[in-house]
Amino acid sequence: MNSFFKRSVELKLKIEKFLDTISNSLSLFENAMASYLDEDQDAFESAMRRICKLESEADALETEIKVSLYKFMLLPDTRADVLSLVKSLDNIIDATEAITKDYNIQKPVFPEPIHKDIIQLTSYSVQSADALLLAARSFFSEVHLVSAHINKVKFYEHETDLVEDKLNDMIFNCGLVSDLAEKMQLKRFISKIAGISDEAEFIGDKLTVFTVKREI
């Protein structure tokens, strides 16, 4: 068993469950966006409620992990890195909850010609975050694989940026939306989706530093 968990199988299981919870929220977020664009409000609200429930579960697990870390980890520096990583990863699931709630309240209307690109944007952003979760799992079990997963995080973040730029160009320059305020609203909501991949890249950079420290 990896040295992180020699003193606590319980801690290992909590971290794995925490990562699974975030992964599930990302899958539901992708489903929620597809339902939103299909105007299936019931399916969208169902996914949103499940995301909110998962977010609460993740918060509880984060607290439990903090307590377990202080109980079982002896090295303060290592403990601090893990605490920082867990807190940062919680931002991912927080984002899925906040975005779906904002969509439900404001109900932005996207022109049909850009629906396919919004689905692609969501997919790339989620794939970036999924790659981050794989990197986090590797950090606790197979640290030599972290770098490969971080490369995927960056790849999908870049792809997300390209689709985001394309969508903004279509909104502002292709005559699909006439009202400036509506254009700005749609741009903000597109940015919220892309922001998940930005957060994944930011956390990935932190994880790279933590990994280097472990290997020294």
C-alpha atoms as a PDB file:
ATOM      1  CA  MET A   1       0.000   0.000   0.000  1.00  0.00           C
ATOM      2  CA  ASN A   2       1.220   3.466  -0.835  1.00  0.00           C
ATOM      3  CA  SER A   3       3.038   5.292   1.971  1.00  0.00           C
ATOM      4  CA  PHE A   4       0.254   7.881   2.172  1.00  0.00           C
ATOM      5  CA  PHE A   5      -2.071   5.214   3.498  1.00  0.00           C
ATOM      6  CA  LYS A   6       0.078   2.833   5.531  1.00  0.00           C
ATOM      7  CA  ARG A   7      -1.497   4.100   8.743  1.00  0.00           C
ATOM      8  CA  SER A   8      -5.090   4.398   7.593  1.00  0.00           C
ATOM      9  CA  VAL A   9      -7.149   2.377   5.148  1.00  0.00           C
ATOM     10  CA  GLU A  10     -10.021   4.587   6.295  1.00  0.00           C
ATOM     11  CA  LEU A  11      -8.269   7.697   4.965  1.00  0.00           C
ATOM     12  CA  LYS A  12      -7.609   6.020   1.621  1.00  0.00           C
ATOM     13  CA  LEU A  13     -11.275   5.081   1.245  1.00  0.00           C
ATOM     14  CA  LYS A  14     -12.438   8.594   2.124  1.00  0.00           C
ATOM     15  CA  ILE A  15     -10.171  10.184  -0.470  1.00  0.00           C
ATOM     16  CA  GLU A  16     -11.306   7.704  -3.122  1.00  0.00           C
ATOM     17  CA  LYS A  17     -14.954   8.398  -2.289  1.00  0.00           C
ATOM     18  CA  PHE A  18     -14.298  12.147  -2.429  1.00  0.00           C
ATOM     19  CA  LEU A  19     -12.796  11.832  -5.912  1.00  0.00           C
ATOM     20  CA  ASP A  20     -15.660   9.577  -7.036  1.00  0.00           C
ATOM     21  CA  THR A  21     -18.165  12.167  -5.827  1.00  0.00           C
ATOM     22  CA  ILE A  22     -16.526  14.904  -7.904  1.00  0.00           C
ATOM     23  CA  SER A  23     -16.388  12.590 -10.933  1.00  0.00           C
ATOM     24  CA  ASN A  24     -20.093  11.832 -10.625  1.00  0.00           C
ATOM     25  CA  SER A  25     -20.925  15.532 -10.429  1.00  0.00           C
ATOM     26  CA  LEU A  26     -19.026  16.141 -13.671  1.00  0.00           C
ATOM     27  CA  SER A  27     -20.990  13.414 -15.464  1.00  0.00           C
ATOM     28  CA  LEU A  28     -24.252  14.865 -14.180  1.00  0.00           C
ATOM     29  CA  PHE A  29     -23.166  18.353 -15.228  1.00  0.00           C
ATOM     30  CA  GLU A  30     -22.600  17.155 -18.780  1.00  0.00           C
ATOM     31  CA  ASN A  31     -26.044  15.524 -18.766  1.00  0.00           C
ATOM     32  CA  ALA A  32     -27.591  18.678 -17.309  1.00  0.00           C
ATOM     33  CA  MET A  33     -26.236  20.870 -20.099  1.00  0.00           C
ATOM     34  CA  ALA A  34     -27.512  18.490 -22.776  1.00  0.00           C
ATOM     35  CA  SER A  35     -30.949  18.464 -21.129  1.00  0.00           C
ATOM     36  CA  TYR A  36     -30.935  22.252 -20.859  1.00  0.00           C
ATOM     37  CA  LEU A  37     -30.250  22.712 -24.557  1.00  0.00           C
ATOM     38  CA  ASP A  38     -32.924  20.102 -25.381  1.00  0.00           C
ATOM     39  CA  GLU A  39     -35.348  22.163 -23.249  1.00  0.00           C
ATOM     40  CA  ASP A  40     -35.981  19.132 -21.045  1.00  0.00           C
ATOM     41  CA  GLN A  41     -36.496  21.080 -17.840  1.00  0.00           C
ATOM     42  CA  ASP A  42     -37.435  18.054 -15.743  1.00  0.00           C
ATOM     43  CA  ALA A  43     -34.223  16.206 -16.634  1.00  0.00           C
ATOM     44  CA  PHE A  44     -32.176  19.355 -16.107  1.00  0.00           C
ATOM     45  CA  GLU A  45     -33.636  20.021 -12.665  1.00  0.00           C
ATOM     46  CA  SER A  46     -33.202  16.379 -11.677  1.00  0.00           C
ATOM     47  CA  ALA A  47     -29.505  16.523 -12.593  1.00  0.00           C
ATOM     48  CA  MET A  48     -29.150  19.836 -10.756  1.00  0.00           C
ATOM     49  CA  ARG A  49     -30.668  18.418  -7.567  1.00  0.00           C
ATOM     50  CA  ARG A  50     -28.359  15.403  -7.708  1.00  0.00           C
ATOM     51  CA  ILE A  51     -25.346  17.683  -8.203  1.00  0.00           C
ATOM     52  CA  CYS A  52     -26.378  19.739  -5.162  1.00  0.00           C
ATOM     53  CA  LYS A  53     -26.646  16.544  -3.104  1.00  0.00           C
ATOM     54  CA  LEU A  54     -23.199  15.411  -4.259  1.00  0.00           C
ATOM     55  CA  GLU A  55     -21.734  18.816  -3.421  1.00  0.00           C
ATOM     56  CA  SER A  56     -22.992  18.494   0.152  1.00  0.00           C
ATOM     57  CA  GLU A  57     -21.530  14.989   0.358  1.00  0.00           C
ATOM     58  CA  ALA A  58     -18.183  16.270  -0.938  1.00  0.00           C
ATOM     59  CA  ASP A  59     -18.110  19.008   1.707  1.00  0.00           C
ATOM     60  CA  ALA A  60     -18.724  16.434   4.441  1.00  0.00           C
ATOM     61  CA  LEU A  61     -16.016  14.166   3.057  1.00  0.00           C
ATOM     62  CA  GLU A  62     -13.584  17.086   2.859  1.00  0.00           C
ATOM     63  CA  THR A  63     -14.083  17.695   6.583  1.00  0.00           C
ATOM     64  CA  GLU A  64     -13.647  14.001   7.398  1.00  0.00           C
ATOM     65  CA  ILE A  65     -10.464  13.851   5.323  1.00  0.00           C
ATOM     66  CA  LYS A  66      -9.017  16.838   7.176  1.00  0.00           C
ATOM     67  CA  VAL A  67      -9.640  15.157  10.524  1.00  0.00           C
ATOM     68  CA  SER A  68      -8.134  11.875   9.314  1.00  0.00           C
ATOM     69  CA  LEU A  69      -5.062  13.627   7.946  1.00  0.00           C
ATOM     70  CA  TYR A  70      -4.303  15.137  11.337  1.00  0.00           C
ATOM     71  CA  LYS A  71      -4.856  11.759  12.990  1.00  0.00           C
ATOM     72  CA  PHE A  72      -2.728   9.621  10.704  1.00  0.00           C
ATOM     73  CA  MET A  73      -0.174  11.686   8.775  1.00  0.00           C
ATOM     74  CA  LEU A  74       3.065  12.441  10.532  1.00  0.00           C
ATOM     75  CA  LEU A  75       4.749  14.839   8.108  1.00  0.00           C
ATOM     76  CA  PRO A  76       3.275  18.380   8.350  1.00  0.00           C
ATOM     77  CA  ASP A  77       4.490  19.356   4.874  1.00  0.00           C
ATOM     78  CA  THR A  78       2.866  16.349   3.228  1.00  0.00           C
ATOM     79  CA  ARG A  79      -0.316  16.915   5.195  1.00  0.00           C
ATOM     80  CA  ALA A  80      -0.448  20.544   4.065  1.00  0.00           C
ATOM     81  CA  ASP A  81      -0.094  19.538   0.402  1.00  0.00           C
ATOM     82  CA  VAL A  82      -2.891  16.982   0.635  1.00  0.00           C
ATOM     83  CA  LEU A  83      -5.153  19.426   2.446  1.00  0.00           C
ATOM     84  CA  SER A  84      -4.507  22.052  -0.219  1.00  0.00           C
ATOM     85  CA  LEU A  85      -5.202  19.553  -3.008  1.00  0.00           C
ATOM     86  CA  VAL A  86      -8.463  18.363  -1.462  1.00  0.00           C
ATOM     87  CA  LYS A  87      -9.672  21.932  -0.862  1.00  0.00           C
ATOM     88  CA  SER A  88      -8.819  22.882  -4.453  1.00  0.00           C
ATOM     89  CA  LEU A  89     -10.551  19.825  -5.913  1.00  0.00           C
ATOM     90  CA  ASP A  90     -13.694  20.793  -4.023  1.00  0.00           C
ATOM     91  CA  ASN A  91     -13.789  23.916  -6.207  1.00  0.00           C
ATOM     92  CA  ILE A  92     -14.581  21.691  -9.197  1.00  0.00           C
ATOM     93  CA  ILE A  93     -17.790  20.281  -7.733  1.00  0.00           C
ATOM     94  CA  ASP A  94     -18.679  23.718  -6.350  1.00  0.00           C
ATOM     95  CA  ALA A  95     -18.504  25.018  -9.917  1.00  0.00           C
ATOM     96  CA  THR A  96     -20.852  22.358 -11.292  1.00  0.00           C
ATOM     97  CA  GLU A  97     -23.404  23.273  -8.635  1.00  0.00           C
ATOM     98  CA  ALA A  98     -23.058  27.047  -9.098  1.00  0.00           C
ATOM     99  CA  ILE A  99     -23.304  26.875 -12.892  1.00  0.00           C
ATOM    100  CA  THR A 100     -26.405  24.690 -12.978  1.00  0.00           C
ATOM    101  CA  LYS A 101     -28.102  26.919 -10.403  1.00  0.00           C
ATOM    102  CA  ASP A 102     -27.257  30.025 -12.443  1.00  0.00           C
ATOM    103  CA  TYR A 103     -28.648  28.428 -15.605  1.00  0.00           C
ATOM    104  CA  ASN A 104     -31.819  27.474 -13.758  1.00  0.00           C
ATOM    105  CA  ILE A 105     -32.338  30.999 -12.424  1.00  0.00           C
ATOM    106  CA  GLN A 106     -31.382  33.139 -15.443  1.00  0.00           C
ATOM    107  CA  LYS A 107     -32.328  30.677 -18.210  1.00  0.00           C
ATOM    108  CA  PRO A 108     -30.111  32.048 -21.006  1.00  0.00           C
ATOM    109  CA  VAL A 109     -31.400  31.278 -24.496  1.00  0.00           C
ATOM    110  CA  PHE A 110     -28.726  29.997 -26.876  1.00  0.00           C
ATOM    111  CA  PRO A 111     -29.355  30.102 -30.647  1.00  0.00           C
ATOM    112  CA  GLU A 112     -29.840  26.583 -32.006  1.00  0.00           C
ATOM    113  CA  PRO A 113     -26.869  26.804 -34.453  1.00  0.00           C
ATOM    114  CA  ILE A 114     -24.415  26.937 -31.527  1.00  0.00           C
ATOM    115  CA  HIS A 115     -25.916  24.106 -29.452  1.00  0.00           C
ATOM    116  CA  LYS A 116     -23.534  21.511 -30.886  1.00  0.00           C
ATOM    117  CA  ASP A 117     -20.532  23.676 -30.000  1.00  0.00           C
ATOM    118  CA  ILE A 118     -21.786  24.242 -26.459  1.00  0.00           C
ATOM    119  CA  ILE A 119     -22.048  20.469 -26.028  1.00  0.00           C
ATOM    120  CA  GLN A 120     -18.476  20.175 -27.320  1.00  0.00           C
ATOM    121  CA  LEU A 121     -17.311  22.946 -24.998  1.00  0.00           C
ATOM    122  CA  THR A 122     -18.886  21.166 -22.040  1.00  0.00           C
ATOM    123  CA  SER A 123     -17.350  17.845 -23.046  1.00  0.00           C
ATOM    124  CA  TYR A 124     -13.823  19.264 -23.339  1.00  0.00           C
ATOM    125  CA  SER A 125     -14.109  21.149 -20.057  1.00  0.00           C
ATOM    126  CA  VAL A 126     -15.352  18.034 -18.248  1.00  0.00           C
ATOM    127  CA  GLN A 127     -12.632  15.895 -19.832  1.00  0.00           C
ATOM    128  CA  SER A 128     -10.029  18.331 -18.526  1.00  0.00           C
ATOM    129  CA  ALA A 129     -11.421  17.982 -15.003  1.00  0.00           C
ATOM    130  CA  ASP A 130     -11.683  14.192 -15.363  1.00  0.00           C
ATOM    131  CA  ALA A 131      -8.006  14.059 -16.321  1.00  0.00           C
ATOM    132  CA  LEU A 132      -7.223  16.074 -13.206  1.00  0.00           C
ATOM    133  CA  LEU A 133      -9.030  13.511 -11.063  1.00  0.00           C
ATOM    134  CA  LEU A 134      -6.943  10.758 -12.652  1.00  0.00           C
ATOM    135  CA  ALA A 135      -3.825  12.770 -11.817  1.00  0.00           C
ATOM    136  CA  ALA A 136      -5.002  13.124  -8.225  1.00  0.00           C
ATOM    137  CA  ARG A 137      -5.626   9.381  -7.947  1.00  0.00           C
ATOM    138  CA  SER A 138      -2.131   8.747  -9.308  1.00  0.00           C
ATOM    139  CA  PHE A 139      -0.649  11.162  -6.794  1.00  0.00           C
ATOM    140  CA  PHE A 140      -1.854   8.858  -4.017  1.00  0.00           C
ATOM    141  CA  SER A 141      -1.004   5.542  -5.654  1.00  0.00           C
ATOM    142  CA  GLU A 142       1.202   5.729  -8.790  1.00  0.00           C
ATOM    143  CA  VAL A 143       2.962   9.065  -8.652  1.00  0.00           C
ATOM    144  CA  HIS A 144       4.943   8.406 -11.839  1.00  0.00           C
ATOM    145  CA  LEU A 145       1.699   8.692 -13.858  1.00  0.00           C
ATOM    146  CA  VAL A 146       0.764  12.169 -12.616  1.00  0.00           C
ATOM    147  CA  SER A 147       2.616  14.015 -15.358  1.00  0.00           C
ATOM    148  CA  ALA A 148       0.866  12.141 -18.178  1.00  0.00           C
ATOM    149  CA  HIS A 149      -2.544  12.959 -16.754  1.00  0.00           C
ATOM    150  CA  ILE A 150      -1.610  16.612 -16.237  1.00  0.00           C
ATOM    151  CA  ASN A 151      -0.667  16.771 -19.924  1.00  0.00           C
ATOM    152  CA  LYS A 152      -4.215  15.645 -20.737  1.00  0.00           C
ATOM    153  CA  VAL A 153      -5.600  18.339 -18.450  1.00  0.00           C
ATOM    154  CA  LYS A 154      -3.719  20.963 -20.424  1.00  0.00           C
ATOM    155  CA  PHE A 155      -4.668  19.450 -23.779  1.00  0.00           C
ATOM    156  CA  TYR A 156      -8.382  19.543 -23.039  1.00  0.00           C
ATOM    157  CA  GLU A 157      -8.129  22.993 -21.460  1.00  0.00           C
ATOM    158  CA  HIS A 158      -6.614  24.270 -24.709  1.00  0.00           C
ATOM    159  CA  GLU A 159      -9.346  22.593 -26.765  1.00  0.00           C
ATOM    160  CA  THR A 160     -11.916  24.222 -24.489  1.00  0.00           C
ATOM    161  CA  ASP A 161     -10.361  27.633 -25.135  1.00  0.00           C
ATOM    162  CA  LEU A 162     -10.586  27.117 -28.903  1.00  0.00           C
ATOM    163  CA  VAL A 163     -14.279  26.235 -28.772  1.00  0.00           C
ATOM    164  CA  GLU A 164     -14.961  29.112 -26.380  1.00  0.00           C
ATOM    165  CA  ASP A 165     -13.356  31.557 -28.832  1.00  0.00           C
ATOM    166  CA  LYS A 166     -15.397  30.085 -31.691  1.00  0.00           C
ATOM    167  CA  LEU A 167     -18.632  30.429 -29.735  1.00  0.00           C
ATOM    168  CA  ASN A 168     -17.937  34.023 -28.772  1.00  0.00           C
ATOM    169  CA  ASP A 169     -17.170  34.885 -32.387  1.00  0.00           C
ATOM    170  CA  MET A 170     -20.456  33.332 -33.502  1.00  0.00           C
ATOM    171  CA  ILE A 171     -22.417  35.197 -30.821  1.00  0.00           C
ATOM    172  CA  PHE A 172     -20.908  38.605 -31.556  1.00  0.00           C
ATOM    173  CA  ASN A 173     -20.196  38.469 -35.285  1.00  0.00           C
ATOM    174  CA  CYS A 174     -22.587  36.099 -37.027  1.00  0.00           C
ATOM    175  CA  GLY A 175     -25.906  37.866 -36.518  1.00  0.00           C
ATOM    176  CA  LEU A 176     -27.311  35.090 -34.317  1.00  0.00           C
ATOM    177  CA  VAL A 177     -27.970  37.496 -31.429  1.00  0.00           C
ATOM    178  CA  SER A 178     -28.891  41.156 -31.896  1.00  0.00           C
ATOM    179  CA  ASP A 179     -29.137  42.546 -28.370  1.00  0.00           C
ATOM    180  CA  LEU A 180     -25.798  43.513 -26.788  1.00  0.00           C
ATOM    181  CA  ALA A 181     -26.939  42.691 -23.269  1.00  0.00           C
ATOM    182  CA  GLU A 182     -27.997  39.224 -24.421  1.00  0.00           C
ATOM    183  CA  LYS A 183     -24.653  38.743 -26.153  1.00  0.00           C
ATOM    184  CA  MET A 184     -22.839  39.606 -22.935  1.00  0.00           C
ATOM    185  CA  GLN A 185     -25.037  37.235 -20.930  1.00  0.00           C
ATOM    186  CA  LEU A 186     -24.366  34.324 -23.281  1.00  0.00           C
ATOM    187  CA  LYS A 187     -20.643  35.084 -23.222  1.00  0.00           C
ATOM    188  CA  ARG A 188     -20.661  34.926 -19.407  1.00  0.00           C
ATOM    189  CA  PHE A 189     -22.452  31.597 -19.363  1.00  0.00           C
ATOM    190  CA  ILE A 190     -20.074  30.124 -21.919  1.00  0.00           C
ATOM    191  CA  SER A 191     -17.186  31.392 -19.803  1.00  0.00           C
ATOM    192  CA  LYS A 192     -18.650  29.621 -16.752  1.00  0.00           C
ATOM    193  CA  ILE A 193     -18.516  26.267 -18.549  1.00  0.00           C
ATOM    194  CA  ALA A 194     -14.981  26.886 -19.812  1.00  0.00           C
ATOM    195  CA  GLY A 195     -14.001  27.961 -16.307  1.00  0.00           C
ATOM    196  CA  ILE A 196     -14.107  24.351 -15.117  1.00  0.00           C
ATOM    197  CA  SER A 197     -11.171  23.507 -17.375  1.00  0.00           C
ATOM    198  CA  ASP A 198      -9.340  26.673 -16.275  1.00  0.00           C
ATOM    199  CA  GLU A 199      -9.728  25.587 -12.651  1.00  0.00           C
ATOM    200  CA  ALA A 200      -8.556  22.078 -13.542  1.00  0.00           C
ATOM    201  CA  GLU A 201      -5.422  23.472 -15.170  1.00  0.00           C
ATOM    202  CA  PHE A 202      -4.724  25.701 -12.152  1.00  0.00           C
ATOM    203  CA  ILE A 203      -5.066  22.773  -9.750  1.00  0.00           C
ATOM    204  CA  GLY A 204      -2.978  20.620 -12.073  1.00  0.00           C
ATOM    205  CA  ASP A 205      -0.126  23.113 -11.829  1.00  0.00           C
ATOM    206  CA  LYS A 206      -0.307  22.899  -8.024  1.00  0.00           C
ATOM    207  CA  LEU A 207      -0.372  19.120  -8.182  1.00  0.00           C
ATOM    208  CA  THR A 208       2.741  19.136 -10.364  1.00  0.00           C
ATOM    209  CA  VAL A 209       4.590  21.069  -7.647  1.00  0.00           C
ATOM    210  CA  PHE A 210       3.366  18.652  -4.948  1.00  0.00           C
ATOM    211  CA  THR A 211       4.532  15.723  -7.075  1.00  0.00           C
ATOM    212  CA  VAL A 212       8.007  17.179  -7.554  1.00  0.00           C
ATOM    213  CA  LYS A 213       8.282  17.668  -3.781  1.00  0.00           C
ATOM    214  CA  ARG A 214       7.418  14.023  -3.232  1.00  0.00           C
ATOM    215  CA  GLU A 215      10.074  12.863  -5.688  1.00  0.00           C
ATOM    216  CA  ILE A 216      12.911  14.939  -4.188  1.00  0.00           C
END
